[in-house]
Amino acid sequence: DPERPIFVALLDQRNLAGLGNEYVNELLFLSGLLPTRPVGEVPDV
């Protein structure tokens, strides 16, 4: 779903199991990505 915000997509346990709110927030900072960035605009998912 390329239109979905990357924050929401990474939290969805149907996509991958184990990441929660703390991890996703920290991961997106380390990756330089705004939480609202659409998945389709992430250079290397």
ModelCIF file with pLDDT and N, C-alpha, C, O atoms, coordinates in Angstrom:
data_MODEL
#
_entry.id   MODEL 
#
_entity.id                         1 
_entity.type                       polymer 
_entity.pdbx_number_of_molecules   1 
#
_entity_poly.entity_id                      1 
_entity_poly.type                           'polypeptide(L)' 
_entity_poly.nstd_linkage                   no 
_entity_poly.nstd_monomer                   no 
_entity_poly.pdbx_seq_one_letter_code       DPERPIFVALLDQRNLAGLGNEYVNELLFLSGLLPTRPVGEVPDV 
_entity_poly.pdbx_seq_one_letter_code_can   DPERPIFVALLDQRNLAGLGNEYVNELLFLSGLLPTRPVGEVPDV 
_entity_poly.pdbx_strand_id                 A 
#
loop_
_entity_poly_seq.entity_id 
_entity_poly_seq.num 
_entity_poly_seq.mon_id 
_entity_poly_seq.hetero 
1 1  ASP n 
1 2  PRO n 
1 3  GLU n 
1 4  ARG n 
1 5  PRO n 
1 6  ILE n 
1 7  PHE n 
1 8  VAL n 
1 9  ALA n 
1 10 LEU n 
1 11 LEU n 
1 12 ASP n 
1 13 GLN n 
1 14 ARG n 
1 15 ASN n 
1 16 LEU n 
1 17 ALA n 
1 18 GLY n 
1 19 LEU n 
1 20 GLY n 
1 21 ASN n 
1 22 GLU n 
1 23 TYR n 
1 24 VAL n 
1 25 ASN n 
1 26 GLU n 
1 27 LEU n 
1 28 LEU n 
1 29 PHE n 
1 30 LEU n 
1 31 SER n 
1 32 GLY n 
1 33 LEU n 
1 34 LEU n 
1 35 PRO n 
1 36 THR n 
1 37 ARG n 
1 38 PRO n 
1 39 VAL n 
1 40 GLY n 
1 41 GLU n 
1 42 VAL n 
1 43 PRO n 
1 44 ASP n 
1 45 VAL n 
#
_struct_asym.id          A 
_struct_asym.entity_id   1 
#
loop_
_ma_qa_metric.id 
_ma_qa_metric.mode 
_ma_qa_metric.name 
_ma_qa_metric.software_group_id 
_ma_qa_metric.type 
1 global pLDDT . pLDDT 
2 local  pLDDT . pLDDT 
#
_ma_qa_metric_global.metric_id      1 
_ma_qa_metric_global.metric_value   97.24 
_ma_qa_metric_global.model_id       1 
_ma_qa_metric_global.ordinal_id     1 
#
loop_
_ma_qa_metric_local.label_asym_id 
_ma_qa_metric_local.label_comp_id 
_ma_qa_metric_local.label_seq_id 
_ma_qa_metric_local.metric_id 
_ma_qa_metric_local.metric_value 
_ma_qa_metric_local.model_id 
_ma_qa_metric_local.ordinal_id 
A ASP 1  2 97.00 1 1  
A PRO 2  2 98.00 1 2  
A GLU 3  2 97.00 1 3  
A ARG 4  2 97.00 1 4  
A PRO 5  2 97.00 1 5  
A ILE 6  2 98.00 1 6  
A PHE 7  2 97.00 1 7  
A VAL 8  2 97.00 1 8  
A ALA 9  2 97.00 1 9  
A LEU 10 2 98.00 1 10 
A LEU 11 2 97.00 1 11 
A ASP 12 2 96.00 1 12 
A GLN 13 2 96.00 1 13 
A ARG 14 2 97.00 1 14 
A ASN 15 2 98.00 1 15 
A LEU 16 2 97.00 1 16 
A ALA 17 2 97.00 1 17 
A GLY 18 2 96.00 1 18 
A LEU 19 2 97.00 1 19 
A GLY 20 2 95.00 1 20 
A ASN 21 2 96.00 1 21 
A GLU 22 2 96.00 1 22 
A TYR 23 2 97.00 1 23 
A VAL 24 2 98.00 1 24 
A ASN 25 2 98.00 1 25 
A GLU 26 2 98.00 1 26 
A LEU 27 2 98.00 1 27 
A LEU 28 2 98.00 1 28 
A PHE 29 2 98.00 1 29 
A LEU 30 2 98.00 1 30 
A SER 31 2 98.00 1 31 
A GLY 32 2 98.00 1 32 
A LEU 33 2 98.00 1 33 
A LEU 34 2 98.00 1 34 
A PRO 35 2 97.00 1 35 
A THR 36 2 97.00 1 36 
A ARG 37 2 97.00 1 37 
A PRO 38 2 98.00 1 38 
A VAL 39 2 98.00 1 39 
A GLY 40 2 97.00 1 40 
A GLU 41 2 98.00 1 41 
A VAL 42 2 98.00 1 42 
A PRO 43 2 95.00 1 43 
A ASP 44 2 97.00 1 44 
A VAL 45 2 98.00 1 45 
#
loop_
_atom_site.group_PDB 
_atom_site.id 
_atom_site.type_symbol 
_atom_site.label_atom_id 
_atom_site.label_alt_id 
_atom_site.label_comp_id 
_atom_site.label_asym_id 
_atom_site.label_entity_id 
_atom_site.label_seq_id 
_atom_site.pdbx_PDB_ins_code 
_atom_site.Cartn_x 
_atom_site.Cartn_y 
_atom_site.Cartn_z 
_atom_site.occupancy 
_atom_site.B_iso_or_equiv 
_atom_site.pdbx_formal_charge 
_atom_site.auth_seq_id 
_atom_site.auth_comp_id 
_atom_site.auth_asym_id 
_atom_site.auth_atom_id 
_atom_site.pdbx_PDB_model_num 
ATOM 1   N N  . ASP A 1 1  ? 0.862  -1.189 0.000  1.00 97.00 ? 1  ASP A N  1 
ATOM 2   C CA . ASP A 1 1  ? 0.000  0.000  0.000  1.00 97.00 ? 1  ASP A CA 1 
ATOM 3   C C  . ASP A 1 1  ? 0.895  1.235  0.000  1.00 97.00 ? 1  ASP A C  1 
ATOM 4   O O  . ASP A 1 1  ? 1.238  1.745  1.067  1.00 97.00 ? 1  ASP A O  1 
ATOM 5   N N  . PRO A 1 2  ? 1.279  1.725  -1.181 1.00 98.00 ? 2  PRO A N  1 
ATOM 6   C CA . PRO A 1 2  ? 2.258  2.825  -1.263 1.00 98.00 ? 2  PRO A CA 1 
ATOM 7   C C  . PRO A 1 2  ? 1.757  4.154  -0.722 1.00 98.00 ? 2  PRO A C  1 
ATOM 8   O O  . PRO A 1 2  ? 2.563  5.041  -0.441 1.00 98.00 ? 2  PRO A O  1 
ATOM 9   N N  . GLU A 1 3  ? 0.437  4.317  -0.568 1.00 97.00 ? 3  GLU A N  1 
ATOM 10  C CA . GLU A 1 3  ? -0.105 5.575  -0.055 1.00 97.00 ? 3  GLU A CA 1 
ATOM 11  C C  . GLU A 1 3  ? -0.143 5.620  1.472  1.00 97.00 ? 3  GLU A C  1 
ATOM 12  O O  . GLU A 1 3  ? -0.359 6.682  2.056  1.00 97.00 ? 3  GLU A O  1 
ATOM 13  N N  . ARG A 1 4  ? 0.062  4.497  2.106  1.00 97.00 ? 4  ARG A N  1 
ATOM 14  C CA . ARG A 1 4  ? -0.057 4.425  3.561  1.00 97.00 ? 4  ARG A CA 1 
ATOM 15  C C  . ARG A 1 4  ? 1.144  5.086  4.235  1.00 97.00 ? 4  ARG A C  1 
ATOM 16  O O  . ARG A 1 4  ? 2.271  4.904  3.774  1.00 97.00 ? 4  ARG A O  1 
ATOM 17  N N  . PRO A 1 5  ? 0.938  5.850  5.315  1.00 97.00 ? 5  PRO A N  1 
ATOM 18  C CA . PRO A 1 5  ? 2.082  6.420  6.038  1.00 97.00 ? 5  PRO A CA 1 
ATOM 19  C C  . PRO A 1 5  ? 3.008  5.321  6.552  1.00 97.00 ? 5  PRO A C  1 
ATOM 20  O O  . PRO A 1 5  ? 2.541  4.297  7.050  1.00 97.00 ? 5  PRO A O  1 
ATOM 21  N N  . ILE A 1 6  ? 4.301  5.527  6.434  1.00 98.00 ? 6  ILE A N  1 
ATOM 22  C CA . ILE A 1 6  ? 5.267  4.505  6.818  1.00 98.00 ? 6  ILE A CA 1 
ATOM 23  C C  . ILE A 1 6  ? 5.127  4.147  8.299  1.00 98.00 ? 6  ILE A C  1 
ATOM 24  O O  . ILE A 1 6  ? 5.329  2.993  8.677  1.00 98.00 ? 6  ILE A O  1 
ATOM 25  N N  . PHE A 1 7  ? 4.784  5.120  9.134  1.00 97.00 ? 7  PHE A N  1 
ATOM 26  C CA . PHE A 1 7  ? 4.582  4.865  10.565 1.00 97.00 ? 7  PHE A CA 1 
ATOM 27  C C  . PHE A 1 7  ? 3.498  3.823  10.779 1.00 97.00 ? 7  PHE A C  1 
ATOM 28  O O  . PHE A 1 7  ? 3.677  2.889  11.560 1.00 97.00 ? 7  PHE A O  1 
ATOM 29  N N  . VAL A 1 8  ? 2.384  3.977  10.096 1.00 97.00 ? 8  VAL A N  1 
ATOM 30  C CA . VAL A 1 8  ? 1.248  3.061  10.249 1.00 97.00 ? 8  VAL A CA 1 
ATOM 31  C C  . VAL A 1 8  ? 1.582  1.693  9.671  1.00 97.00 ? 8  VAL A C  1 
ATOM 32  O O  . VAL A 1 8  ? 1.231  0.669  10.257 1.00 97.00 ? 8  VAL A O  1 
ATOM 33  N N  . ALA A 1 9  ? 2.253  1.668  8.533  1.00 97.00 ? 9  ALA A N  1 
ATOM 34  C CA . ALA A 1 9  ? 2.585  0.403  7.876  1.00 97.00 ? 9  ALA A CA 1 
ATOM 35  C C  . ALA A 1 9  ? 3.524  -0.448 8.719  1.00 97.00 ? 9  ALA A C  1 
ATOM 36  O O  . ALA A 1 9  ? 3.386  -1.670 8.760  1.00 97.00 ? 9  ALA A O  1 
ATOM 37  N N  . LEU A 1 10 ? 4.482  0.190  9.392  1.00 98.00 ? 10 LEU A N  1 
ATOM 38  C CA . LEU A 1 10 ? 5.432  -0.563 10.211 1.00 98.00 ? 10 LEU A CA 1 
ATOM 39  C C  . LEU A 1 10 ? 4.808  -1.069 11.503 1.00 98.00 ? 10 LEU A C  1 
ATOM 40  O O  . LEU A 1 10 ? 5.261  -2.072 12.054 1.00 98.00 ? 10 LEU A O  1 
ATOM 41  N N  . LEU A 1 11 ? 3.785  -0.396 11.989 1.00 97.00 ? 11 LEU A N  1 
ATOM 42  C CA . LEU A 1 11 ? 3.096  -0.834 13.204 1.00 97.00 ? 11 LEU A CA 1 
ATOM 43  C C  . LEU A 1 11 ? 2.117  -1.970 12.948 1.00 97.00 ? 11 LEU A C  1 
ATOM 44  O O  . LEU A 1 11 ? 1.731  -2.675 13.880 1.00 97.00 ? 11 LEU A O  1 
ATOM 45  N N  . ASP A 1 12 ? 1.714  -2.154 11.697 1.00 96.00 ? 12 ASP A N  1 
ATOM 46  C CA . ASP A 1 12 ? 0.723  -3.170 11.358 1.00 96.00 ? 12 ASP A CA 1 
ATOM 47  C C  . ASP A 1 12 ? 1.340  -4.561 11.490 1.00 96.00 ? 12 ASP A C  1 
ATOM 48  O O  . ASP A 1 12 ? 2.219  -4.937 10.715 1.00 96.00 ? 12 ASP A O  1 
ATOM 49  N N  . GLN A 1 13 ? 0.868  -5.321 12.482 1.00 96.00 ? 13 GLN A N  1 
ATOM 50  C CA . GLN A 1 13 ? 1.436  -6.644 12.747 1.00 96.00 ? 13 GLN A CA 1 
ATOM 51  C C  . GLN A 1 13 ? 1.156  -7.638 11.625 1.00 96.00 ? 13 GLN A C  1 
ATOM 52  O O  . GLN A 1 13 ? 1.770  -8.703 11.571 1.00 96.00 ? 13 GLN A O  1 
ATOM 53  N N  . ARG A 1 14 ? 0.236  -7.295 10.735 1.00 97.00 ? 14 ARG A N  1 
ATOM 54  C CA . ARG A 1 14 ? -0.009 -8.144 9.568  1.00 97.00 ? 14 ARG A CA 1 
ATOM 55  C C  . ARG A 1 14 ? 1.118  -8.013 8.550  1.00 97.00 ? 14 ARG A C  1 
ATOM 56  O O  . ARG A 1 14 ? 1.303  -8.890 7.707  1.00 97.00 ? 14 ARG A O  1 
ATOM 57  N N  . ASN A 1 15 ? 1.861  -6.929 8.628  1.00 98.00 ? 15 ASN A N  1 
ATOM 58  C CA . ASN A 1 15 ? 2.993  -6.729 7.720  1.00 98.00 ? 15 ASN A CA 1 
ATOM 59  C C  . ASN A 1 15 ? 4.273  -7.362 8.263  1.00 98.00 ? 15 ASN A C  1 
ATOM 60  O O  . ASN A 1 15 ? 4.987  -8.060 7.543  1.00 98.00 ? 15 ASN A O  1 
ATOM 61  N N  . LEU A 1 16 ? 4.547  -7.112 9.517  1.00 97.00 ? 16 LEU A N  1 
ATOM 62  C CA . LEU A 1 16 ? 5.700  -7.691 10.195 1.00 97.00 ? 16 LEU A CA 1 
ATOM 63  C C  . LEU A 1 16 ? 5.401  -7.645 11.680 1.00 97.00 ? 16 LEU A C  1 
ATOM 64  O O  . LEU A 1 16 ? 4.800  -6.688 12.169 1.00 97.00 ? 16 LEU A O  1 
ATOM 65  N N  . ALA A 1 17 ? 5.818  -8.669 12.394 1.00 97.00 ? 17 ALA A N  1 
ATOM 66  C CA . ALA A 1 17 ? 5.408  -8.848 13.785 1.00 97.00 ? 17 ALA A CA 1 
ATOM 67  C C  . ALA A 1 17 ? 6.546  -8.549 14.744 1.00 97.00 ? 17 ALA A C  1 
ATOM 68  O O  . ALA A 1 17 ? 7.619  -9.147 14.665 1.00 97.00 ? 17 ALA A O  1 
ATOM 69  N N  . GLY A 1 18 ? 6.292  -7.610 15.654 1.00 96.00 ? 18 GLY A N  1 
ATOM 70  C CA . GLY A 1 18 ? 7.272  -7.346 16.701 1.00 96.00 ? 18 GLY A CA 1 
ATOM 71  C C  . GLY A 1 18 ? 7.541  -5.891 16.999 1.00 96.00 ? 18 GLY A C  1 
ATOM 72  O O  . GLY A 1 18 ? 7.912  -5.554 18.123 1.00 96.00 ? 18 GLY A O  1 
ATOM 73  N N  . LEU A 1 19 ? 7.363  -5.003 16.008 1.00 97.00 ? 19 LEU A N  1 
ATOM 74  C CA . LEU A 1 19 ? 7.616  -3.590 16.240 1.00 97.00 ? 19 LEU A CA 1 
ATOM 75  C C  . LEU A 1 19 ? 6.410  -2.932 16.894 1.00 97.00 ? 19 LEU A C  1 
ATOM 76  O O  . LEU A 1 19 ? 5.271  -3.159 16.486 1.00 97.00 ? 19 LEU A O  1 
ATOM 77  N N  . GLY A 1 20 ? 6.669  -2.111 17.917 1.00 95.00 ? 20 GLY A N  1 
ATOM 78  C CA . GLY A 1 20 ? 5.629  -1.334 18.571 1.00 95.00 ? 20 GLY A CA 1 
ATOM 79  C C  . GLY A 1 20 ? 5.904  0.141  18.435 1.00 95.00 ? 20 GLY A C  1 
ATOM 80  O O  . GLY A 1 20 ? 6.770  0.550  17.662 1.00 95.00 ? 20 GLY A O  1 
ATOM 81  N N  . ASN A 1 21 ? 5.171  0.944  19.182 1.00 96.00 ? 21 ASN A N  1 
ATOM 82  C CA . ASN A 1 21 ? 5.213  2.392  19.032 1.00 96.00 ? 21 ASN A CA 1 
ATOM 83  C C  . ASN A 1 21 ? 6.596  2.978  19.305 1.00 96.00 ? 21 ASN A C  1 
ATOM 84  O O  . ASN A 1 21 ? 7.067  3.839  18.562 1.00 96.00 ? 21 ASN A O  1 
ATOM 85  N N  . GLU A 1 22 ? 7.240  2.512  20.368 1.00 96.00 ? 22 GLU A N  1 
ATOM 86  C CA . GLU A 1 22 ? 8.564  3.056  20.704 1.00 96.00 ? 22 GLU A CA 1 
ATOM 87  C C  . GLU A 1 22 ? 9.567  2.743  19.599 1.00 96.00 ? 22 GLU A C  1 
ATOM 88  O O  . GLU A 1 22 ? 10.307 3.623  19.158 1.00 96.00 ? 22 GLU A O  1 
ATOM 89  N N  . TYR A 1 23 ? 9.590  1.499  19.157 1.00 97.00 ? 23 TYR A N  1 
ATOM 90  C CA . TYR A 1 23 ? 10.541 1.118  18.117 1.00 97.00 ? 23 TYR A CA 1 
ATOM 91  C C  . TYR A 1 23 ? 10.315 1.874  16.813 1.00 97.00 ? 23 TYR A C  1 
ATOM 92  O O  . TYR A 1 23 ? 11.271 2.334  16.189 1.00 97.00 ? 23 TYR A O  1 
ATOM 93  N N  . VAL A 1 24 ? 9.067  2.003  16.401 1.00 98.00 ? 24 VAL A N  1 
ATOM 94  C CA . VAL A 1 24 ? 8.802  2.651  15.110 1.00 98.00 ? 24 VAL A CA 1 
ATOM 95  C C  . VAL A 1 24 ? 9.177  4.125  15.156 1.00 98.00 ? 24 VAL A C  1 
ATOM 96  O O  . VAL A 1 24 ? 9.757  4.641  14.201 1.00 98.00 ? 24 VAL A O  1 
ATOM 97  N N  . ASN A 1 25 ? 8.859  4.807  16.246 1.00 98.00 ? 25 ASN A N  1 
ATOM 98  C CA . ASN A 1 25 ? 9.255  6.209  16.360 1.00 98.00 ? 25 ASN A CA 1 
ATOM 99  C C  . ASN A 1 25 ? 10.771 6.372  16.302 1.00 98.00 ? 25 ASN A C  1 
ATOM 100 O O  . ASN A 1 25 ? 11.281 7.243  15.597 1.00 98.00 ? 25 ASN A O  1 
ATOM 101 N N  . GLU A 1 26 ? 11.482 5.537  17.041 1.00 98.00 ? 26 GLU A N  1 
ATOM 102 C CA . GLU A 1 26 ? 12.938 5.624  17.045 1.00 98.00 ? 26 GLU A CA 1 
ATOM 103 C C  . GLU A 1 26 ? 13.530 5.220  15.700 1.00 98.00 ? 26 GLU A C  1 
ATOM 104 O O  . GLU A 1 26 ? 14.490 5.831  15.230 1.00 98.00 ? 26 GLU A O  1 
ATOM 105 N N  . LEU A 1 27 ? 12.958 4.194  15.084 1.00 98.00 ? 27 LEU A N  1 
ATOM 106 C CA . LEU A 1 27 ? 13.439 3.719  13.789 1.00 98.00 ? 27 LEU A CA 1 
ATOM 107 C C  . LEU A 1 27 ? 13.282 4.788  12.711 1.00 98.00 ? 27 LEU A C  1 
ATOM 108 O O  . LEU A 1 27 ? 14.167 4.963  11.873 1.00 98.00 ? 27 LEU A O  1 
ATOM 109 N N  . LEU A 1 28 ? 12.162 5.498  12.730 1.00 98.00 ? 28 LEU A N  1 
ATOM 110 C CA . LEU A 1 28 ? 11.945 6.518  11.713 1.00 98.00 ? 28 LEU A CA 1 
ATOM 111 C C  . LEU A 1 28 ? 12.881 7.707  11.910 1.00 98.00 ? 28 LEU A C  1 
ATOM 112 O O  . LEU A 1 28 ? 13.307 8.329  10.937 1.00 98.00 ? 28 LEU A O  1 
ATOM 113 N N  . PHE A 1 29 ? 13.202 8.026  13.157 1.00 98.00 ? 29 PHE A N  1 
ATOM 114 C CA . PHE A 1 29 ? 14.206 9.070  13.375 1.00 98.00 ? 29 PHE A CA 1 
ATOM 115 C C  . PHE A 1 29 ? 15.551 8.634  12.804 1.00 98.00 ? 29 PHE A C  1 
ATOM 116 O O  . PHE A 1 29 ? 16.187 9.386  12.066 1.00 98.00 ? 29 PHE A O  1 
ATOM 117 N N  . LEU A 1 30 ? 15.982 7.429  13.141 1.00 98.00 ? 30 LEU A N  1 
ATOM 118 C CA . LEU A 1 30 ? 17.270 6.932  12.658 1.00 98.00 ? 30 LEU A CA 1 
ATOM 119 C C  . LEU A 1 30 ? 17.314 6.846  11.135 1.00 98.00 ? 30 LEU A C  1 
ATOM 120 O O  . LEU A 1 30 ? 18.384 6.936  10.532 1.00 98.00 ? 30 LEU A O  1 
ATOM 121 N N  . SER A 1 31 ? 16.147 6.672  10.519 1.00 98.00 ? 31 SER A N  1 
ATOM 122 C CA . SER A 1 31 ? 16.072 6.555  9.059  1.00 98.00 ? 31 SER A CA 1 
ATOM 123 C C  . SER A 1 31 ? 15.817 7.894  8.385  1.00 98.00 ? 31 SER A C  1 
ATOM 124 O O  . SER A 1 31 ? 15.790 7.968  7.156  1.00 98.00 ? 31 SER A O  1 
ATOM 125 N N  . GLY A 1 32 ? 15.628 8.966  9.173  1.00 98.00 ? 32 GLY A N  1 
ATOM 126 C CA . GLY A 1 32 ? 15.414 10.297 8.612  1.00 98.00 ? 32 GLY A CA 1 
ATOM 127 C C  . GLY A 1 32 ? 14.073 10.470 7.935  1.00 98.00 ? 32 GLY A C  1 
ATOM 128 O O  . GLY A 1 32 ? 13.949 11.264 7.003  1.00 98.00 ? 32 GLY A O  1 
ATOM 129 N N  . LEU A 1 33 ? 13.062 9.737  8.390  1.00 98.00 ? 33 LEU A N  1 
ATOM 130 C CA . LEU A 1 33 ? 11.754 9.750  7.739  1.00 98.00 ? 33 LEU A CA 1 
ATOM 131 C C  . LEU A 1 33 ? 10.680 10.325 8.661  1.00 98.00 ? 33 LEU A C  1 
ATOM 132 O O  . LEU A 1 33 ? 10.584 9.939  9.826  1.00 98.00 ? 33 LEU A O  1 
ATOM 133 N N  . LEU A 1 34 ? 9.876  11.246 8.137  1.00 98.00 ? 34 LEU A N  1 
ATOM 134 C CA . LEU A 1 34 ? 8.714  11.700 8.871  1.00 98.00 ? 34 LEU A CA 1 
ATOM 135 C C  . LEU A 1 34 ? 7.718  10.548 9.002  1.00 98.00 ? 34 LEU A C  1 
ATOM 136 O O  . LEU A 1 34 ? 7.607  9.730  8.090  1.00 98.00 ? 34 LEU A O  1 
ATOM 137 N N  . PRO A 1 35 ? 6.998  10.470 10.108 1.00 97.00 ? 35 PRO A N  1 
ATOM 138 C CA . PRO A 1 35 ? 6.003  9.409  10.269 1.00 97.00 ? 35 PRO A CA 1 
ATOM 139 C C  . PRO A 1 35 ? 4.941  9.423  9.177  1.00 97.00 ? 35 PRO A C  1 
ATOM 140 O O  . PRO A 1 35 ? 4.387  8.379  8.836  1.00 97.00 ? 35 PRO A O  1 
ATOM 141 N N  . THR A 1 36 ? 4.655  10.600 8.628  1.00 97.00 ? 36 THR A N  1 
ATOM 142 C CA . THR A 1 36 ? 3.606  10.730 7.614  1.00 97.00 ? 36 THR A CA 1 
ATOM 143 C C  . THR A 1 36 ? 4.088  10.422 6.198  1.00 97.00 ? 36 THR A C  1 
ATOM 144 O O  . THR A 1 36 ? 3.283  10.425 5.266  1.00 97.00 ? 36 THR A O  1 
ATOM 145 N N  . ARG A 1 37 ? 5.365  10.160 6.019  1.00 97.00 ? 37 ARG A N  1 
ATOM 146 C CA . ARG A 1 37 ? 5.897  9.888  4.659  1.00 97.00 ? 37 ARG A CA 1 
ATOM 147 C C  . ARG A 1 37 ? 5.198  8.662  4.078  1.00 97.00 ? 37 ARG A C  1 
ATOM 148 O O  . ARG A 1 37 ? 5.220  7.603  4.705  1.00 97.00 ? 37 ARG A O  1 
ATOM 149 N N  . PRO A 1 38 ? 4.581  8.768  2.909  1.00 98.00 ? 38 PRO A N  1 
ATOM 150 C CA . PRO A 1 38 ? 3.953  7.597  2.283  1.00 98.00 ? 38 PRO A CA 1 
ATOM 151 C C  . PRO A 1 38 ? 4.995  6.521  1.980  1.00 98.00 ? 38 PRO A C  1 
ATOM 152 O O  . PRO A 1 38 ? 6.131  6.824  1.616  1.00 98.00 ? 38 PRO A O  1 
ATOM 153 N N  . VAL A 1 39 ? 4.596  5.286  2.134  1.00 98.00 ? 39 VAL A N  1 
ATOM 154 C CA . VAL A 1 39 ? 5.509  4.171  1.889  1.00 98.00 ? 39 VAL A CA 1 
ATOM 155 C C  . VAL A 1 39 ? 6.131  4.263  0.504  1.00 98.00 ? 39 VAL A C  1 
ATOM 156 O O  . VAL A 1 39 ? 7.316  3.977  0.333  1.00 98.00 ? 39 VAL A O  1 
ATOM 157 N N  . GLY A 1 40 ? 5.332  4.664  -0.490 1.00 97.00 ? 40 GLY A N  1 
ATOM 158 C CA . GLY A 1 40 ? 5.821  4.741  -1.859 1.00 97.00 ? 40 GLY A CA 1 
ATOM 159 C C  . GLY A 1 40 ? 6.906  5.778  -2.071 1.00 97.00 ? 40 GLY A C  1 
ATOM 160 O O  . GLY A 1 40 ? 7.593  5.753  -3.092 1.00 97.00 ? 40 GLY A O  1 
ATOM 161 N N  . GLU A 1 41 ? 7.077  6.706  -1.108 1.00 98.00 ? 41 GLU A N  1 
ATOM 162 C CA . GLU A 1 41 ? 8.109  7.735  -1.221 1.00 98.00 ? 41 GLU A CA 1 
ATOM 163 C C  . GLU A 1 41 ? 9.332  7.427  -0.365 1.00 98.00 ? 41 GLU A C  1 
ATOM 164 O O  . GLU A 1 41 ? 10.254 8.238  -0.275 1.00 98.00 ? 41 GLU A O  1 
ATOM 165 N N  . VAL A 1 42 ? 9.336  6.257  0.261  1.00 98.00 ? 42 VAL A N  1 
ATOM 166 C CA . VAL A 1 42 ? 10.507 5.827  1.041  1.00 98.00 ? 42 VAL A CA 1 
ATOM 167 C C  . VAL A 1 42 ? 11.519 5.219  0.066  1.00 98.00 ? 42 VAL A C  1 
ATOM 168 O O  . VAL A 1 42 ? 11.194 4.244  -0.612 1.00 98.00 ? 42 VAL A O  1 
ATOM 169 N N  . PRO A 1 43 ? 12.738 5.768  -0.022 1.00 95.00 ? 43 PRO A N  1 
ATOM 170 C CA . PRO A 1 43 ? 13.702 5.290  -1.029 1.00 95.00 ? 43 PRO A CA 1 
ATOM 171 C C  . PRO A 1 43 ? 14.042 3.807  -0.941 1.00 95.00 ? 43 PRO A C  1 
ATOM 172 O O  . PRO A 1 43 ? 14.193 3.145  -1.968 1.00 95.00 ? 43 PRO A O  1 
ATOM 173 N N  . ASP A 1 44 ? 14.162 3.282  0.271  1.00 97.00 ? 44 ASP A N  1 
ATOM 174 C CA . ASP A 1 44 ? 14.582 1.891  0.430  1.00 97.00 ? 44 ASP A CA 1 
ATOM 175 C C  . ASP A 1 44 ? 13.847 1.284  1.627  1.00 97.00 ? 44 ASP A C  1 
ATOM 176 O O  . ASP A 1 44 ? 14.344 1.316  2.753  1.00 97.00 ? 44 ASP A O  1 
ATOM 177 N N  . VAL A 1 45 ? 12.666 0.735  1.372  1.00 98.00 ? 45 VAL A N  1 
ATOM 178 C CA . VAL A 1 45 ? 11.841 0.172  2.441  1.00 98.00 ? 45 VAL A CA 1 
ATOM 179 C C  . VAL A 1 45 ? 12.556 -0.985 3.126  1.00 98.00 ? 45 VAL A C  1 
ATOM 180 O O  . VAL A 1 45 ? 12.012 -1.585 4.054  1.00 98.00 ? 45 VAL A O  1 
#
